[in-house]
Amino acid sequence: MARHIYDKEITALLVVDPYNDFISEGGKVWDRIRAVAEANDCVPHMLQVLNAARNAKLRVFYVLHRRYRPGDYETWKYIAPIQKAAWVRKTFEYGKWGGELHPGFEPRPGEIVATEHWCSSGFANTDLDLQLKRHGIHQLVVVGLIAHTCIEATVRFAAELGYEVTLVRDATADYSDEEMHAALDVNIPNYASAIVTTHELVDLISSVQTEGMGARSR
C-alpha cells in the first residue's frame, strides 16, 4: 500500500457535528444511528482522535450544523428535504440541550469554531475555507456525523478546494450499514486520499514529529 505523508504544520482535525442530538442518549437522532454508532464505537473513537490531535498539538476546527432558531426557514422560497426535516424536528435547536455539544467535545481555547453550515457541507456558505487557509492548513483529518450527508459533503467540497483529506472510518456513523457502505466504500474513496481506522490514526499522530507523519492510504 502507498505511504501517505502528512506535515504537522499544515494538518488539522475537523470535528463535524458532535451534538447531543446526534450522539447522546435522548438526542433526537441518536436512536436512528445508535446501532451503527455502537457497533463501531463511533463516539469513543471520535474522542480518541480528538484527544490524540490535541496531545500532538494539531489544530482543531469545529464544523457545526446550523442550530435551529425560530424563523430560520419559514420565509424560504426553496428548501432542501434535509433542511425541511431539520425544521420539522427542530434538530440541534439553539439554546436547548440537543443543540449543545456532547460532553468531552467542548472547544478549548485556540480551537476554531467555523460558522455554522445550513445544509451538509461544512464549507458551503461558511468561513471554514478562509479559516483553514489563514492558518496555513492544507491536509485535513475528518471525524463526525453523518457519513452519507455532512461527512461526505464536506470531504467532497474539501477535495474540490484542493485539500488533501483523511477520513477516520470508525469515527463516523450513519442510519444503516448500507448507507455507511455507500459513503465509505463507494463515494468517499473518490475524494479522500486516505481512509484509516482510529487505531491507525492515533498511532500516527501520537508519535508525530514537526517534519511530518505518515499514513497508509487506501
Protein backbone atom coordinates (compact mmCIF):
# COMPACT_ATOMS: atom_id res chain seq x y z
CA MET A 1 0.00 0.00 0.00
CA ALA A 2 1.16 3.54 -0.72
CA ARG A 3 2.62 5.59 2.07
CA HIS A 4 0.65 8.78 2.71
CA ILE A 5 2.73 11.58 4.20
CA TYR A 6 1.43 14.33 6.45
CA ASP A 7 3.07 17.52 7.67
CA LYS A 8 2.17 18.58 11.20
CA GLU A 9 2.39 22.25 10.31
CA ILE A 10 -0.31 22.03 7.64
CA THR A 11 -2.58 19.31 9.08
CA ALA A 12 -5.76 19.92 11.09
CA LEU A 13 -8.59 17.87 12.55
CA LEU A 14 -12.17 18.66 11.53
CA VAL A 15 -14.75 17.61 14.13
CA VAL A 16 -18.15 17.54 12.45
CA ASP A 17 -21.43 17.94 14.37
CA PRO A 18 -20.74 16.28 17.75
CA TYR A 19 -24.13 17.49 19.02
CA ASN A 20 -26.15 15.85 21.78
CA ASP A 21 -29.00 15.34 19.31
CA PHE A 22 -26.68 13.08 17.29
CA ILE A 23 -24.55 11.19 19.81
CA SER A 24 -26.12 11.42 23.26
CA GLU A 25 -28.76 9.20 24.84
CA GLY A 26 -32.06 11.06 24.40
CA GLY A 27 -30.87 13.01 21.37
CA LYS A 28 -33.39 13.46 18.56
CA VAL A 29 -31.30 11.48 16.05
CA TRP A 30 -29.48 9.10 18.41
CA ASP A 31 -31.97 6.23 18.14
CA ARG A 32 -31.61 6.30 14.34
CA ILE A 33 -27.81 5.94 14.37
CA ARG A 34 -27.36 4.04 17.64
CA ALA A 35 -26.93 0.57 16.08
CA VAL A 36 -24.17 1.64 13.71
CA ALA A 37 -22.54 4.03 16.19
CA GLU A 38 -22.38 1.43 18.96
CA ALA A 39 -21.20 -1.32 16.60
CA ASN A 40 -18.10 0.64 15.57
CA ASP A 41 -17.64 2.61 18.84
CA CYS A 42 -18.03 5.83 16.90
CA VAL A 43 -18.25 8.24 19.85
CA PRO A 44 -15.30 6.82 21.84
CA HIS A 45 -13.27 6.79 18.63
CA MET A 46 -14.14 10.41 17.87
CA LEU A 47 -12.92 11.35 21.35
CA GLN A 48 -9.76 9.29 20.92
CA VAL A 49 -8.89 11.08 17.71
CA LEU A 50 -9.70 14.50 19.21
CA ASN A 51 -7.56 13.89 22.29
CA ALA A 52 -4.70 12.49 20.23
CA ALA A 53 -4.82 15.54 17.96
CA ARG A 54 -4.76 17.84 20.96
CA ASN A 55 -1.84 15.97 22.51
CA ALA A 56 0.07 16.19 19.23
CA LYS A 57 -0.65 19.94 19.05
CA LEU A 58 -2.57 19.66 15.79
CA ARG A 59 -5.02 22.44 15.10
CA VAL A 60 -8.66 21.55 15.74
CA PHE A 61 -11.58 23.02 13.80
CA TYR A 62 -15.23 22.51 14.69
CA VAL A 63 -17.60 22.11 11.76
CA LEU A 64 -21.12 22.55 13.10
CA HIS A 65 -24.56 22.39 11.53
CA ARG A 66 -26.88 25.35 11.87
CA ARG A 67 -28.64 25.15 15.22
CA TYR A 68 -32.35 25.67 14.59
CA ARG A 69 -33.73 29.06 15.57
CA PRO A 70 -37.37 30.17 15.14
CA GLY A 71 -37.76 31.89 11.78
CA ASP A 72 -34.89 30.06 10.10
CA TYR A 73 -36.89 28.51 7.28
CA GLU A 74 -40.39 29.96 7.45
CA THR A 75 -39.84 32.55 4.71
CA TRP A 76 -37.62 30.46 2.43
CA LYS A 77 -38.92 30.01 -1.08
CA TYR A 78 -36.91 26.84 -1.73
CA ILE A 79 -35.80 24.32 0.89
CA ALA A 80 -33.94 21.03 0.53
CA PRO A 81 -35.57 17.91 2.01
CA ILE A 82 -32.80 17.56 4.60
CA GLN A 83 -33.40 21.16 5.72
CA LYS A 84 -37.15 20.60 5.87
CA ALA A 85 -36.56 17.61 8.15
CA ALA A 86 -34.37 19.73 10.43
CA TRP A 87 -37.08 22.39 10.52
CA VAL A 88 -39.85 19.90 11.37
CA ARG A 89 -37.81 18.17 14.08
CA LYS A 90 -36.05 21.33 15.27
CA THR A 91 -32.83 19.35 15.28
CA PHE A 92 -29.89 20.95 17.13
CA GLU A 93 -32.18 23.64 18.49
CA TYR A 94 -30.31 26.72 19.67
CA GLY A 95 -30.41 27.17 23.45
CA LYS A 96 -31.62 23.60 24.03
CA TRP A 97 -29.70 20.54 25.26
CA GLY A 98 -29.86 18.87 21.84
CA GLY A 99 -28.01 21.80 20.29
CA GLU A 100 -25.15 21.58 22.79
CA LEU A 101 -22.00 19.56 22.17
CA HIS A 102 -21.66 16.08 23.66
CA PRO A 103 -19.52 16.07 26.84
CA GLY A 104 -15.84 15.91 26.01
CA PHE A 105 -16.20 17.77 22.71
CA GLU A 106 -16.26 21.30 24.08
CA PRO A 107 -13.87 23.55 22.12
CA ARG A 108 -10.75 24.60 24.00
CA PRO A 109 -9.04 27.99 23.79
CA GLY A 110 -7.30 28.34 20.46
CA GLU A 111 -9.55 25.85 18.68
CA ILE A 112 -11.55 27.29 15.80
CA VAL A 113 -15.34 27.08 15.51
CA ALA A 114 -16.36 27.78 11.91
CA THR A 115 -19.62 29.50 11.14
CA GLU A 116 -22.49 27.01 11.07
CA HIS A 117 -23.41 25.31 7.79
CA TRP A 118 -27.02 25.30 6.63
CA CYS A 119 -27.20 22.03 4.73
CA SER A 120 -24.48 19.35 4.62
CA SER A 121 -21.12 20.71 3.51
CA GLY A 122 -19.06 22.37 6.21
CA PHE A 123 -17.60 24.64 3.52
CA ALA A 124 -20.72 25.94 1.78
CA ASN A 125 -21.69 29.45 2.96
CA THR A 126 -19.27 29.33 5.91
CA ASP A 127 -15.84 30.71 6.76
CA LEU A 128 -14.22 27.26 7.09
CA ASP A 129 -12.10 27.54 3.95
CA LEU A 130 -10.94 31.03 4.93
CA GLN A 131 -10.07 29.94 8.47
CA LEU A 132 -8.11 26.91 7.25
CA LYS A 133 -6.15 28.92 4.72
CA ARG A 134 -5.43 31.71 7.19
CA HIS A 135 -3.90 29.07 9.49
CA GLY A 136 -1.84 27.52 6.69
CA ILE A 137 -3.79 24.25 6.62
CA HIS A 138 -3.78 22.02 3.55
CA GLN A 139 -4.26 18.49 4.94
CA LEU A 140 -7.43 17.52 6.83
CA VAL A 141 -8.39 14.64 9.12
CA VAL A 142 -12.18 14.29 9.38
CA VAL A 143 -14.38 12.69 12.06
CA GLY A 144 -18.03 13.13 12.99
CA LEU A 145 -21.59 12.73 11.74
CA ILE A 146 -23.29 11.61 9.50
CA ALA A 147 -21.31 9.58 6.97
CA HIS A 148 -23.52 9.96 3.88
CA THR A 149 -24.54 13.59 4.48
CA CYS A 150 -22.29 16.09 6.27
CA ILE A 151 -19.15 13.94 6.23
CA GLU A 152 -19.39 13.02 2.55
CA ALA A 153 -20.39 16.54 1.50
CA THR A 154 -17.57 18.13 3.49
CA VAL A 155 -14.96 15.68 2.17
CA ARG A 156 -16.15 16.22 -1.43
CA PHE A 157 -16.07 20.01 -1.08
CA ALA A 158 -12.63 19.87 0.55
CA ALA A 159 -11.30 17.95 -2.43
CA GLU A 160 -12.85 20.48 -4.82
CA LEU A 161 -10.98 23.24 -2.95
CA GLY A 162 -7.67 21.40 -3.16
CA TYR A 163 -7.36 19.98 0.36
CA GLU A 164 -5.89 16.55 0.98
CA VAL A 165 -8.32 14.61 3.18
CA THR A 166 -8.07 11.63 5.51
CA LEU A 167 -11.31 10.14 6.84
CA VAL A 168 -11.37 8.05 10.01
CA ARG A 169 -13.83 5.30 9.08
CA ASP A 170 -14.76 4.11 12.59
CA ALA A 171 -15.17 7.66 13.91
CA THR A 172 -18.34 8.27 11.92
CA ALA A 173 -21.78 6.62 11.82
CA ASP A 174 -24.98 6.52 9.82
CA TYR A 175 -28.58 5.34 9.85
CA SER A 176 -27.73 1.92 8.40
CA ASP A 177 -24.88 -0.32 7.30
CA GLU A 178 -25.99 0.23 3.69
CA GLU A 179 -25.58 3.99 3.97
CA MET A 180 -22.20 3.54 5.68
CA HIS A 181 -21.09 1.28 2.84
CA ALA A 182 -22.25 3.72 0.17
CA ALA A 183 -20.40 6.59 1.82
CA LEU A 184 -17.21 4.89 2.99
CA ASP A 185 -16.67 2.24 0.33
CA VAL A 186 -18.28 3.71 -2.80
CA ASN A 187 -18.36 7.51 -2.73
CA ILE A 188 -15.77 8.97 -0.36
CA PRO A 189 -12.79 6.97 -1.72
CA ASN A 190 -13.09 9.12 -4.84
CA TYR A 191 -12.28 12.22 -2.78
CA ALA A 192 -10.35 11.22 0.35
CA SER A 193 -6.68 10.45 -0.15
CA ALA A 194 -6.71 8.07 2.83
CA ILE A 195 -9.36 6.22 4.81
CA VAL A 196 -7.96 4.83 8.06
CA THR A 197 -9.07 3.40 11.38
CA THR A 198 -8.87 5.22 14.69
CA HIS A 199 -6.12 2.87 15.83
CA GLU A 200 -4.03 3.65 12.74
CA LEU A 201 -4.54 7.39 13.03
CA VAL A 202 -3.90 7.63 16.77
CA ASP A 203 -0.67 5.65 16.38
CA LEU A 204 0.43 8.10 13.72
CA ILE A 205 -0.38 11.37 15.42
CA SER A 206 0.72 10.21 18.86
CA SER A 207 4.27 10.00 17.52
CA VAL A 208 4.07 12.91 15.12
CA GLN A 209 7.21 14.97 14.59
CA THR A 210 7.41 18.51 13.27
CA GLU A 211 8.78 17.34 9.96
CA GLY A 212 5.80 15.16 9.18
CA MET A 213 3.90 11.96 9.74
CA GLY A 214 2.85 9.03 7.60
CA ALA A 215 -0.35 7.09 6.98
CA ARG A 216 -1.32 4.23 4.76
CA SER A 217 -3.78 5.29 2.09
CA ARG A 218 -6.44 3.07 0.59
